[in-house]
Every structure is written in C-alpha cells, then in structure tokens.
Amino acid sequence: MKSFTSAGLEKIALITDIHGNAPALQAVLAELDRRGIDRIYSLGDVIGIGPDSNEAIELLMNRPNLHYVSGNHEDAVLAAYEGRPAPAGHEGEREHHAWLAARLNPAYAKVMASWPRQLEMEIEGRKLLFTHYHTDRQGSFLPINAAPSIEALDAMYLDTPYDLIAFGHHHIVHEFCSDQRMYFNPGALGCGGAVARFGVIEIDPTGISAETVGVPYDNSAFLRAYHELGVPDADFILRIFHGVGN
C-alpha cells in the first residue's frame, strides 16, 4: 500500500472501470480539463472487456498528477501475458484476457505490474483510501455485494482510520455516509451506454463532498470495433456491459 500526504485544498477526480473504452475516457479527460481538475485517481480496470487497452493506458500516461490502483482485469490480463494461471473467478474469461494480452504493449505491461492494490492519502487532516474494491486480509478482492449497506460497510472497515473510501468494480454509483466515513463509487466510466461517468471529491475543513458526473459521448465506433476486431465473447460483453442486443 502506498501513502501520500497533500497540503492545501484541492478537488480530486475519481475514474474507475474504464474497461478499454478510449472514446469514453477521452470525453472524461476533456471535461476534467474544462473544469480545471488535474489530480486524478484511477481506481482499477483500465483494461479488460473493451478492446482499447493500449489506447486507454496511453491516454492516462500522458497526464500529470495521475495515480493508479490495480483492478481484477489488470490482474487477469497480466496473468495471461506472463503465462500464469487465471486468477480465481476469471478462468472462464481466459480467452478474452489472452486476446488482450497478445495485443498489449510490453511497456504497458510493465507499468501495470507496478500499480499497487491500494493507495492512502491525507488532505486537510482527512484520511482517504483508494481501492478497486474491498479486499480480504490477504489483499484479494471480495465478491461483489449486490446490495451494500452502511451497516455492512462500517463493519467491514471497523477500526480503520479512513474518512473516505473510494472504490469501483461494482459498476453502479454508490454514495453512503455514516457517522464514521463516506463510501463512494462514481460508477463505471466505460460501460453502460453513451454516458461516461466520473466522480469529483472536494475536501474542506468542514467535511468531504462527492459529486457524480456523466459526460455524453459517441460510442458507435467503439461498439462496432468488438466485431470488427474479433473480440472474444463480443456478443455477451455487448449485451451485459453495454446494453446492446437486449
């Protein structure tokens, strides 16, 4: 786990679950530039599902003040790239991840392998945790809780010092506030139709606020690319993650 401390007040952008969708990411980065937000935290799954792995990583690497944590799809693609067994739960997606690994720029594989599982940061005395999803004591991602609650989240993070826990993985928006802390997931940037989502966190001496933002973009060429490039499991992915063909 890496830790950072920052002095002074600033807005922070949260992006997560880009899932190899370069046009969605371009739309979000343009909106962040328009808003003047230059510190970005990427909460994992930059790659996987979508075909634009190299393009998405390149867009992020060209940005200053961008910090990363790794997600389950980084784990799975790197396992395929290095010839290791698929991580638990991803055995049935091996063909898809192997296809992505075969197209992956070797320099980007090295970059992804350096991303930590979690990041900690402190601003204005507030302690923040950035993670792709909740983990067990061994650092493995827990199964997605389809119906999360404040009580369950507080129990999971009992006796931890965090004022904010920011995460992704579960593609829908979460914003829970308890007496202990805020839990915030801005939703998937690269899945769910022609709207790319991201989050903005603002911290001041009185507390923490969160905003979810949706940016419309043209996803037609991106969706066509699944079949044009021969992405494995294209029909399933388009139906489940992009709502195409339902």
C-alpha atoms as a PDB file:
ATOM      1  CA  MET A   1       0.000   0.000   0.000  1.00  0.00           C
ATOM      2  CA  LYS A   2       1.381   3.432  -0.937  1.00  0.00           C
ATOM      3  CA  SER A   3       0.668   6.587   1.059  1.00  0.00           C
ATOM      4  CA  PHE A   4       0.692  10.289   0.150  1.00  0.00           C
ATOM      5  CA  THR A   5       0.134  13.484   2.120  1.00  0.00           C
ATOM      6  CA  SER A   6      -1.028  16.705   0.474  1.00  0.00           C
ATOM      7  CA  ALA A   7      -1.148  20.226   1.876  1.00  0.00           C
ATOM      8  CA  GLY A   8      -3.879  22.607   0.814  1.00  0.00           C
ATOM      9  CA  LEU A   9      -7.373  22.238  -0.541  1.00  0.00           C
ATOM     10  CA  GLU A  10      -7.995  20.802  -3.993  1.00  0.00           C
ATOM     11  CA  LYS A  11     -10.572  18.893  -5.948  1.00  0.00           C
ATOM     12  CA  ILE A  12      -9.821  15.299  -6.849  1.00  0.00           C
ATOM     13  CA  ALA A  13     -11.261  13.388  -9.797  1.00  0.00           C
ATOM     14  CA  LEU A  14     -12.050   9.684  -9.479  1.00  0.00           C
ATOM     15  CA  ILE A  15     -12.230   7.465 -12.546  1.00  0.00           C
ATOM     16  CA  THR A  16     -12.811   3.732 -12.472  1.00  0.00           C
ATOM     17  CA  ASP A  17     -13.706   0.805 -14.710  1.00  0.00           C
ATOM     18  CA  ILE A  18     -12.639   2.383 -17.986  1.00  0.00           C
ATOM     19  CA  HIS A  19     -12.603  -1.158 -19.370  1.00  0.00           C
ATOM     20  CA  GLY A  20     -10.654  -0.435 -22.530  1.00  0.00           C
ATOM     21  CA  ASN A  21     -13.031   2.281 -23.756  1.00  0.00           C
ATOM     22  CA  ALA A  22     -10.816   5.041 -25.189  1.00  0.00           C
ATOM     23  CA  PRO A  23     -13.565   7.378 -26.521  1.00  0.00           C
ATOM     24  CA  ALA A  24     -15.317   7.398 -23.140  1.00  0.00           C
ATOM     25  CA  LEU A  25     -12.025   8.189 -21.416  1.00  0.00           C
ATOM     26  CA  GLN A  26     -11.260  10.981 -23.902  1.00  0.00           C
ATOM     27  CA  ALA A  27     -14.630  12.570 -23.153  1.00  0.00           C
ATOM     28  CA  VAL A  28     -14.000  12.470 -19.398  1.00  0.00           C
ATOM     29  CA  LEU A  29     -10.471  13.856 -19.655  1.00  0.00           C
ATOM     30  CA  ALA A  30     -11.746  16.730 -21.778  1.00  0.00           C
ATOM     31  CA  GLU A  31     -14.373  17.522 -19.142  1.00  0.00           C
ATOM     32  CA  LEU A  32     -11.749  17.401 -16.390  1.00  0.00           C
ATOM     33  CA  ASP A  33      -9.619  19.852 -18.366  1.00  0.00           C
ATOM     34  CA  ARG A  34     -12.625  22.119 -18.768  1.00  0.00           C
ATOM     35  CA  ARG A  35     -13.172  22.043 -15.008  1.00  0.00           C
ATOM     36  CA  GLY A  36      -9.509  22.603 -14.220  1.00  0.00           C
ATOM     37  CA  ILE A  37      -9.154  19.369 -12.229  1.00  0.00           C
ATOM     38  CA  ASP A  38      -5.694  17.950 -12.693  1.00  0.00           C
ATOM     39  CA  ARG A  39      -5.313  15.424  -9.864  1.00  0.00           C
ATOM     40  CA  ILE A  40      -6.876  12.129 -10.904  1.00  0.00           C
ATOM     41  CA  TYR A  41      -7.130   8.779  -9.158  1.00  0.00           C
ATOM     42  CA  SER A  42      -7.753   5.750 -11.357  1.00  0.00           C
ATOM     43  CA  LEU A  43      -9.409   3.005  -9.299  1.00  0.00           C
ATOM     44  CA  GLY A  44      -8.635  -0.003 -11.481  1.00  0.00           C
ATOM     45  CA  ASP A  45      -9.884  -1.931 -14.501  1.00  0.00           C
ATOM     46  CA  VAL A  46      -8.400   0.478 -17.007  1.00  0.00           C
ATOM     47  CA  ILE A  47      -8.302  -2.520 -19.356  1.00  0.00           C
ATOM     48  CA  GLY A  48     -10.401  -5.600 -19.978  1.00  0.00           C
ATOM     49  CA  ILE A  49     -13.805  -6.053 -21.614  1.00  0.00           C
ATOM     50  CA  GLY A  50     -13.141  -3.321 -24.192  1.00  0.00           C
ATOM     51  CA  PRO A  51     -10.545  -3.561 -26.988  1.00  0.00           C
ATOM     52  CA  ASP A  52      -8.726  -0.237 -26.378  1.00  0.00           C
ATOM     53  CA  SER A  53      -6.263  -1.332 -23.684  1.00  0.00           C
ATOM     54  CA  ASN A  54      -3.171   0.313 -25.178  1.00  0.00           C
ATOM     55  CA  GLU A  55      -5.073   3.469 -26.109  1.00  0.00           C
ATOM     56  CA  ALA A  56      -6.574   3.855 -22.635  1.00  0.00           C
ATOM     57  CA  ILE A  57      -3.243   3.393 -20.851  1.00  0.00           C
ATOM     58  CA  GLU A  58      -1.530   5.821 -23.239  1.00  0.00           C
ATOM     59  CA  LEU A  59      -4.178   8.485 -22.576  1.00  0.00           C
ATOM     60  CA  LEU A  60      -3.606   8.170 -18.836  1.00  0.00           C
ATOM     61  CA  MET A  61       0.183   8.067 -19.008  1.00  0.00           C
ATOM     62  CA  ASN A  62       0.183  11.377 -20.861  1.00  0.00           C
ATOM     63  CA  ARG A  63      -1.474  13.065 -17.866  1.00  0.00           C
ATOM     64  CA  PRO A  64       0.347  14.646 -14.906  1.00  0.00           C
ATOM     65  CA  ASN A  65      -0.793  14.071 -11.323  1.00  0.00           C
ATOM     66  CA  LEU A  66      -2.441  10.734 -12.045  1.00  0.00           C
ATOM     67  CA  HIS A  67      -2.292   7.900  -9.523  1.00  0.00           C
ATOM     68  CA  TYR A  68      -3.358   4.287 -10.036  1.00  0.00           C
ATOM     69  CA  VAL A  69      -4.518   1.215  -8.215  1.00  0.00           C
ATOM     70  CA  SER A  70      -4.853  -2.148  -9.931  1.00  0.00           C
ATOM     71  CA  GLY A  71      -8.106  -3.947 -10.605  1.00  0.00           C
ATOM     72  CA  ASN A  72      -9.130  -7.523 -11.229  1.00  0.00           C
ATOM     73  CA  HIS A  73      -8.848  -7.162 -15.014  1.00  0.00           C
ATOM     74  CA  GLU A  74      -5.269  -5.895 -14.726  1.00  0.00           C
ATOM     75  CA  ASP A  75      -4.580  -8.998 -12.646  1.00  0.00           C
ATOM     76  CA  ALA A  76      -6.180 -11.291 -15.235  1.00  0.00           C
ATOM     77  CA  VAL A  77      -4.566  -9.756 -18.321  1.00  0.00           C
ATOM     78  CA  LEU A  78      -1.134  -9.717 -16.692  1.00  0.00           C
ATOM     79  CA  ALA A  79      -1.572 -13.376 -15.712  1.00  0.00           C
ATOM     80  CA  ALA A  80      -2.331 -14.234 -19.339  1.00  0.00           C
ATOM     81  CA  TYR A  81       0.546 -12.047 -20.570  1.00  0.00           C
ATOM     82  CA  GLU A  82       3.008 -13.780 -18.241  1.00  0.00           C
ATOM     83  CA  GLY A  83       1.598 -17.280 -18.834  1.00  0.00           C
ATOM     84  CA  ARG A  84       0.375 -17.695 -15.262  1.00  0.00           C
ATOM     85  CA  PRO A  85      -2.941 -19.352 -14.329  1.00  0.00           C
ATOM     86  CA  ALA A  86      -6.008 -17.131 -14.402  1.00  0.00           C
ATOM     87  CA  PRO A  87      -6.893 -15.501 -11.065  1.00  0.00           C
ATOM     88  CA  ALA A  88      -9.709 -17.153  -9.157  1.00  0.00           C
ATOM     89  CA  GLY A  89     -13.046 -16.353 -10.756  1.00  0.00           C
ATOM     90  CA  HIS A  90     -11.555 -15.449 -14.138  1.00  0.00           C
ATOM     91  CA  GLU A  91     -10.902 -18.934 -15.519  1.00  0.00           C
ATOM     92  CA  GLY A  92     -13.880 -18.714 -17.891  1.00  0.00           C
ATOM     93  CA  GLU A  93     -12.631 -15.402 -19.321  1.00  0.00           C
ATOM     94  CA  ARG A  94      -9.159 -16.675 -20.176  1.00  0.00           C
ATOM     95  CA  GLU A  95      -9.626 -16.496 -23.958  1.00  0.00           C
ATOM     96  CA  HIS A  96     -10.728 -12.882 -23.731  1.00  0.00           C
ATOM     97  CA  HIS A  97      -7.839 -11.882 -21.462  1.00  0.00           C
ATOM     98  CA  ALA A  98      -5.330 -13.802 -23.593  1.00  0.00           C
ATOM     99  CA  TRP A  99      -6.566 -11.900 -26.665  1.00  0.00           C
ATOM    100  CA  LEU A 100      -5.993  -8.614 -24.849  1.00  0.00           C
ATOM    101  CA  ALA A 101      -2.606  -9.756 -23.562  1.00  0.00           C
ATOM    102  CA  ALA A 102      -1.456 -10.638 -27.085  1.00  0.00           C
ATOM    103  CA  ARG A 103      -2.216  -7.067 -28.191  1.00  0.00           C
ATOM    104  CA  LEU A 104      -0.776  -5.368 -25.099  1.00  0.00           C
ATOM    105  CA  ASN A 105       2.219  -3.069 -25.492  1.00  0.00           C
ATOM    106  CA  PRO A 106       5.004  -4.738 -23.429  1.00  0.00           C
ATOM    107  CA  ALA A 107       5.938  -1.370 -21.926  1.00  0.00           C
ATOM    108  CA  TYR A 108       2.392  -1.027 -20.587  1.00  0.00           C
ATOM    109  CA  ALA A 109       2.501  -4.497 -19.057  1.00  0.00           C
ATOM    110  CA  LYS A 110       5.494  -3.369 -17.012  1.00  0.00           C
ATOM    111  CA  VAL A 111       3.672  -0.180 -15.998  1.00  0.00           C
ATOM    112  CA  MET A 112       0.549  -2.055 -14.883  1.00  0.00           C
ATOM    113  CA  ALA A 113       2.592  -4.517 -12.859  1.00  0.00           C
ATOM    114  CA  SER A 114       3.816  -1.584 -10.738  1.00  0.00           C
ATOM    115  CA  TRP A 115       0.323  -0.394  -9.774  1.00  0.00           C
ATOM    116  CA  PRO A 116      -0.450  -1.020  -6.079  1.00  0.00           C
ATOM    117  CA  ARG A 117      -3.586  -2.703  -4.772  1.00  0.00           C
ATOM    118  CA  GLN A 118      -4.474   0.338  -2.637  1.00  0.00           C
ATOM    119  CA  LEU A 119      -3.414   3.933  -2.050  1.00  0.00           C
ATOM    120  CA  GLU A 120      -3.737   6.081   1.046  1.00  0.00           C
ATOM    121  CA  MET A 121      -3.742   9.884   1.068  1.00  0.00           C
ATOM    122  CA  GLU A 122      -4.287  12.618   3.625  1.00  0.00           C
ATOM    123  CA  ILE A 123      -5.757  16.059   2.853  1.00  0.00           C
ATOM    124  CA  GLU A 124      -6.778  18.656   5.417  1.00  0.00           C
ATOM    125  CA  GLY A 125      -6.391  16.026   8.101  1.00  0.00           C
ATOM    126  CA  ARG A 126      -8.812  13.661   6.314  1.00  0.00           C
ATOM    127  CA  LYS A 127      -7.593  10.148   5.601  1.00  0.00           C
ATOM    128  CA  LEU A 128      -8.575   8.696   2.231  1.00  0.00           C
ATOM    129  CA  LEU A 129      -8.365   5.149   0.906  1.00  0.00           C
ATOM    130  CA  PHE A 130      -8.430   4.409  -2.823  1.00  0.00           C
ATOM    131  CA  THR A 131      -9.029   0.805  -3.879  1.00  0.00           C
ATOM    132  CA  HIS A 132     -10.606  -1.056  -6.770  1.00  0.00           C
ATOM    133  CA  TYR A 133     -12.846  -2.917  -4.346  1.00  0.00           C
ATOM    134  CA  HIS A 134     -12.920  -4.167  -0.798  1.00  0.00           C
ATOM    135  CA  THR A 135     -10.285  -6.800  -0.012  1.00  0.00           C
ATOM    136  CA  ASP A 136      -9.723  -9.560   2.493  1.00  0.00           C
ATOM    137  CA  ARG A 137      -6.698  -9.740   4.777  1.00  0.00           C
ATOM    138  CA  GLN A 138      -4.635 -11.354   2.022  1.00  0.00           C
ATOM    139  CA  GLY A 139      -5.381  -8.476  -0.352  1.00  0.00           C
ATOM    140  CA  SER A 140      -7.743 -10.470  -2.592  1.00  0.00           C
ATOM    141  CA  PHE A 141     -10.886  -8.763  -3.837  1.00  0.00           C
ATOM    142  CA  LEU A 142     -14.062  -9.803  -2.072  1.00  0.00           C
ATOM    143  CA  PRO A 143     -17.133 -10.927  -4.082  1.00  0.00           C
ATOM    144  CA  ILE A 144     -19.357  -8.050  -5.156  1.00  0.00           C
ATOM    145  CA  ASN A 145     -22.112  -7.274  -2.684  1.00  0.00           C
ATOM    146  CA  ALA A 146     -25.115  -6.557  -4.901  1.00  0.00           C
ATOM    147  CA  ALA A 147     -26.996  -4.844  -2.063  1.00  0.00           C
ATOM    148  CA  PRO A 148     -24.417  -2.959   0.028  1.00  0.00           C
ATOM    149  CA  SER A 149     -25.484  -1.175   3.188  1.00  0.00           C
ATOM    150  CA  ILE A 150     -23.941   1.387   5.504  1.00  0.00           C
ATOM    151  CA  GLU A 151     -24.001  -1.152   8.325  1.00  0.00           C
ATOM    152  CA  ALA A 152     -22.139  -3.783   6.314  1.00  0.00           C
ATOM    153  CA  LEU A 153     -19.546  -1.305   5.087  1.00  0.00           C
ATOM    154  CA  ASP A 154     -18.940   0.105   8.552  1.00  0.00           C
ATOM    155  CA  ALA A 155     -18.497  -3.417   9.895  1.00  0.00           C
ATOM    156  CA  MET A 156     -16.003  -4.209   7.127  1.00  0.00           C
ATOM    157  CA  TYR A 157     -13.902  -1.128   7.891  1.00  0.00           C
ATOM    158  CA  LEU A 158     -14.321  -1.191  11.672  1.00  0.00           C
ATOM    159  CA  ASP A 159     -11.360   0.362  13.497  1.00  0.00           C
ATOM    160  CA  THR A 160      -9.824   1.776  10.299  1.00  0.00           C
ATOM    161  CA  PRO A 161      -8.844   5.470  10.232  1.00  0.00           C
ATOM    162  CA  TYR A 162     -10.372   6.426   6.884  1.00  0.00           C
ATOM    163  CA  ASP A 163     -12.776   9.326   6.393  1.00  0.00           C
ATOM    164  CA  LEU A 164     -13.389   8.362   2.755  1.00  0.00           C
ATOM    165  CA  ILE A 165     -13.192   5.019   0.983  1.00  0.00           C
ATOM    166  CA  ALA A 166     -13.320   5.402  -2.799  1.00  0.00           C
ATOM    167  CA  PHE A 167     -13.746   2.294  -4.931  1.00  0.00           C
ATOM    168  CA  GLY A 168     -15.113   0.886  -8.189  1.00  0.00           C
ATOM    169  CA  HIS A 169     -15.615  -2.659  -9.553  1.00  0.00           C
ATOM    170  CA  HIS A 170     -19.384  -2.686  -8.898  1.00  0.00           C
ATOM    171  CA  HIS A 171     -20.385  -0.579 -11.890  1.00  0.00           C
ATOM    172  CA  ILE A 172     -23.285   1.293 -10.345  1.00  0.00           C
ATOM    173  CA  VAL A 173     -22.945   4.516  -8.331  1.00  0.00           C
ATOM    174  CA  HIS A 174     -22.633   4.192  -4.542  1.00  0.00           C
ATOM    175  CA  GLU A 175     -22.655   7.050  -2.069  1.00  0.00           C
ATOM    176  CA  PHE A 176     -23.072   6.079   1.574  1.00  0.00           C
ATOM    177  CA  CYS A 177     -22.335   8.298   4.556  1.00  0.00           C
ATOM    178  CA  SER A 178     -22.199   7.017   8.118  1.00  0.00           C
ATOM    179  CA  ASP A 179     -21.035   8.589  11.355  1.00  0.00           C
ATOM    180  CA  GLN A 180     -17.627   7.051  10.645  1.00  0.00           C
ATOM    181  CA  ARG A 181     -16.952   7.896   6.985  1.00  0.00           C
ATOM    182  CA  MET A 182     -18.107   8.271   3.372  1.00  0.00           C
ATOM    183  CA  TYR A 183     -18.093   5.372   0.886  1.00  0.00           C
ATOM    184  CA  PHE A 184     -18.089   6.490  -2.754  1.00  0.00           C
ATOM    185  CA  ASN A 185     -18.112   4.690  -6.093  1.00  0.00           C
ATOM    186  CA  PRO A 186     -18.653   7.040  -9.082  1.00  0.00           C
ATOM    187  CA  GLY A 187     -19.760   4.178 -11.350  1.00  0.00           C
ATOM    188  CA  ALA A 188     -18.113   2.654 -14.405  1.00  0.00           C
ATOM    189  CA  LEU A 189     -16.599   5.137 -16.830  1.00  0.00           C
ATOM    190  CA  GLY A 190     -16.508   2.792 -19.798  1.00  0.00           C
ATOM    191  CA  CYS A 191     -19.684   0.708 -19.519  1.00  0.00           C
ATOM    192  CA  GLY A 192     -23.398   1.346 -19.538  1.00  0.00           C
ATOM    193  CA  GLY A 193     -24.291   3.294 -22.661  1.00  0.00           C
ATOM    194  CA  ALA A 194     -23.175   6.538 -24.263  1.00  0.00           C
ATOM    195  CA  VAL A 195     -22.510   8.348 -20.976  1.00  0.00           C
ATOM    196  CA  ALA A 196     -19.061   8.215 -19.358  1.00  0.00           C
ATOM    197  CA  ARG A 197     -19.101   8.688 -15.590  1.00  0.00           C
ATOM    198  CA  PHE A 198     -16.562  10.007 -13.126  1.00  0.00           C
ATOM    199  CA  GLY A 199     -16.538  11.429  -9.611  1.00  0.00           C
ATOM    200  CA  VAL A 200     -15.288  14.633  -8.031  1.00  0.00           C
ATOM    201  CA  ILE A 201     -14.271  14.786  -4.369  1.00  0.00           C
ATOM    202  CA  GLU A 202     -13.858  18.105  -2.567  1.00  0.00           C
ATOM    203  CA  ILE A 203     -12.443  18.358   0.935  1.00  0.00           C
ATOM    204  CA  ASP A 204     -12.536  21.365   3.215  1.00  0.00           C
ATOM    205  CA  PRO A 205     -12.244  21.797   6.974  1.00  0.00           C
ATOM    206  CA  THR A 206     -15.964  21.110   7.399  1.00  0.00           C
ATOM    207  CA  GLY A 207     -16.025  17.739   5.654  1.00  0.00           C
ATOM    208  CA  ILE A 208     -15.984  15.814   2.386  1.00  0.00           C
ATOM    209  CA  SER A 209     -18.376  16.201  -0.544  1.00  0.00           C
ATOM    210  CA  ALA A 210     -18.800  13.924  -3.558  1.00  0.00           C
ATOM    211  CA  GLU A 211     -20.297  14.561  -6.990  1.00  0.00           C
ATOM    212  CA  THR A 212     -21.021  12.082  -9.763  1.00  0.00           C
ATOM    213  CA  VAL A 213     -20.736  13.461 -13.300  1.00  0.00           C
ATOM    214  CA  GLY A 214     -21.935  11.935 -16.573  1.00  0.00           C
ATOM    215  CA  VAL A 215     -20.439  13.026 -19.907  1.00  0.00           C
ATOM    216  CA  PRO A 216     -22.248  12.095 -23.150  1.00  0.00           C
ATOM    217  CA  TYR A 217     -20.031  10.727 -25.907  1.00  0.00           C
ATOM    218  CA  ASP A 218     -20.369   8.922 -29.254  1.00  0.00           C
ATOM    219  CA  ASN A 219     -19.835   5.210 -28.601  1.00  0.00           C
ATOM    220  CA  SER A 220     -20.909   3.911 -32.019  1.00  0.00           C
ATOM    221  CA  ALA A 221     -17.419   3.251 -33.437  1.00  0.00           C
ATOM    222  CA  PHE A 222     -16.309   1.699 -30.140  1.00  0.00           C
ATOM    223  CA  LEU A 223     -19.221  -0.749 -30.145  1.00  0.00           C
ATOM    224  CA  ARG A 224     -18.633  -1.691 -33.799  1.00  0.00           C
ATOM    225  CA  ALA A 225     -14.988  -2.446 -33.006  1.00  0.00           C
ATOM    226  CA  TYR A 226     -15.928  -5.522 -30.961  1.00  0.00           C
ATOM    227  CA  HIS A 227     -16.920  -7.398 -34.108  1.00  0.00           C
ATOM    228  CA  GLU A 228     -14.508  -5.645 -36.466  1.00  0.00           C
ATOM    229  CA  LEU A 229     -11.557  -6.710 -34.307  1.00  0.00           C
ATOM    230  CA  GLY A 230     -12.923 -10.136 -33.417  1.00  0.00           C
ATOM    231  CA  VAL A 231     -13.019  -9.574 -29.651  1.00  0.00           C
ATOM    232  CA  PRO A 232     -13.735 -12.918 -27.924  1.00  0.00           C
ATOM    233  CA  ASP A 233     -17.167 -13.089 -26.268  1.00  0.00           C
ATOM    234  CA  ALA A 234     -18.179  -9.918 -28.101  1.00  0.00           C
ATOM    235  CA  ASP A 235     -21.931 -10.582 -28.134  1.00  0.00           C
ATOM    236  CA  PHE A 236     -22.004 -11.426 -24.425  1.00  0.00           C
ATOM    237  CA  ILE A 237     -19.959  -8.352 -23.468  1.00  0.00           C
ATOM    238  CA  LEU A 238     -22.021  -6.017 -25.623  1.00  0.00           C
ATOM    239  CA  ARG A 239     -25.241  -7.332 -24.096  1.00  0.00           C
ATOM    240  CA  ILE A 240     -24.198  -7.443 -20.442  1.00  0.00           C
ATOM    241  CA  PHE A 241     -21.917  -4.441 -20.161  1.00  0.00           C
ATOM    242  CA  HIS A 242     -23.188  -2.099 -22.866  1.00  0.00           C
ATOM    243  CA  GLY A 243     -26.871  -2.992 -23.162  1.00  0.00           C
ATOM    244  CA  VAL A 244     -26.595  -3.827 -26.868  1.00  0.00           C
ATOM    245  CA  GLY A 245     -28.819  -6.604 -28.217  1.00  0.00           C
ATOM    246  CA  ASN A 246     -31.074  -6.913 -25.167  1.00  0.00           C
END
